[in-house]
Amino acid sequence: MNDRFSFIFKILIFSAILSYGVKYGGRLLPLEPSTINALLGISVPPAIMGLALWWRKKS
């Protein structure tokens, strides 16, 4: 039970840090709205998650 709680707590903390970084750090990296930027924004996060899950399964 404690292990499950710690996992959820870690996800919550990571999500809050990521949200804070996007909200306040996004202004430091001005991006123009273009098709390439939209495709990268949509396709890179699932690709990273897929690599992470593949790496975890491999280990």
Protein backbone atom coordinates (compact mmCIF):
# COMPACT_ATOMS: atom_id res chain seq x y z
CA MET A 1 0.00 0.00 0.00
CA ASN A 2 2.82 2.40 0.85
CA ASP A 3 4.56 1.65 -2.44
CA ARG A 4 1.45 2.58 -4.42
CA PHE A 5 1.08 5.82 -2.47
CA SER A 6 4.70 6.79 -3.05
CA PHE A 7 4.36 6.12 -6.80
CA ILE A 8 1.26 8.32 -7.05
CA PHE A 9 2.97 11.02 -4.99
CA LYS A 10 6.02 10.97 -7.29
CA ILE A 11 3.80 11.30 -10.36
CA LEU A 12 1.93 14.19 -8.73
CA ILE A 13 5.16 16.03 -7.87
CA PHE A 14 6.64 15.45 -11.34
CA SER A 15 3.44 16.67 -12.96
CA ALA A 16 3.41 19.83 -10.83
CA ILE A 17 7.05 20.58 -11.68
CA LEU A 18 6.43 20.02 -15.38
CA SER A 19 3.33 22.22 -15.29
CA TYR A 20 5.23 25.00 -13.52
CA GLY A 21 8.04 24.74 -16.07
CA VAL A 22 5.67 24.96 -19.01
CA LYS A 23 3.75 27.88 -17.52
CA TYR A 24 6.69 30.07 -16.55
CA GLY A 25 9.54 28.68 -18.65
CA GLY A 26 7.59 28.63 -21.90
CA ARG A 27 7.93 32.38 -22.26
CA LEU A 28 11.70 32.05 -22.42
CA LEU A 29 11.50 29.91 -25.57
CA PRO A 30 9.45 31.78 -28.17
CA LEU A 31 8.21 29.39 -30.87
CA GLU A 32 6.42 30.41 -34.03
CA PRO A 33 3.20 28.58 -34.80
CA SER A 34 4.04 26.29 -37.71
CA THR A 35 3.15 22.84 -38.94
CA ILE A 36 6.55 21.39 -38.01
CA ASN A 37 6.35 22.71 -34.45
CA ALA A 38 2.83 21.32 -34.08
CA LEU A 39 3.88 17.90 -35.38
CA LEU A 40 6.88 17.81 -33.06
CA GLY A 41 4.77 18.87 -30.08
CA ILE A 42 2.27 16.11 -30.77
CA SER A 43 4.62 13.28 -31.73
CA VAL A 44 7.65 13.69 -29.45
CA PRO A 45 6.00 13.07 -26.03
CA PRO A 46 4.43 9.71 -27.05
CA ALA A 47 7.70 8.69 -28.69
CA ILE A 48 9.61 9.45 -25.48
CA MET A 49 7.02 7.51 -23.44
CA GLY A 50 7.24 4.58 -25.84
CA LEU A 51 11.03 4.53 -25.56
CA ALA A 52 10.83 4.69 -21.78
CA LEU A 53 8.37 1.78 -21.64
CA TRP A 54 10.42 -0.23 -24.12
CA TRP A 55 13.57 0.40 -22.05
CA ARG A 56 11.76 -0.63 -18.86
CA LYS A 57 10.50 -3.85 -20.47
CA LYS A 58 13.98 -4.59 -21.78
CA SER A 59 15.56 -4.24 -18.32
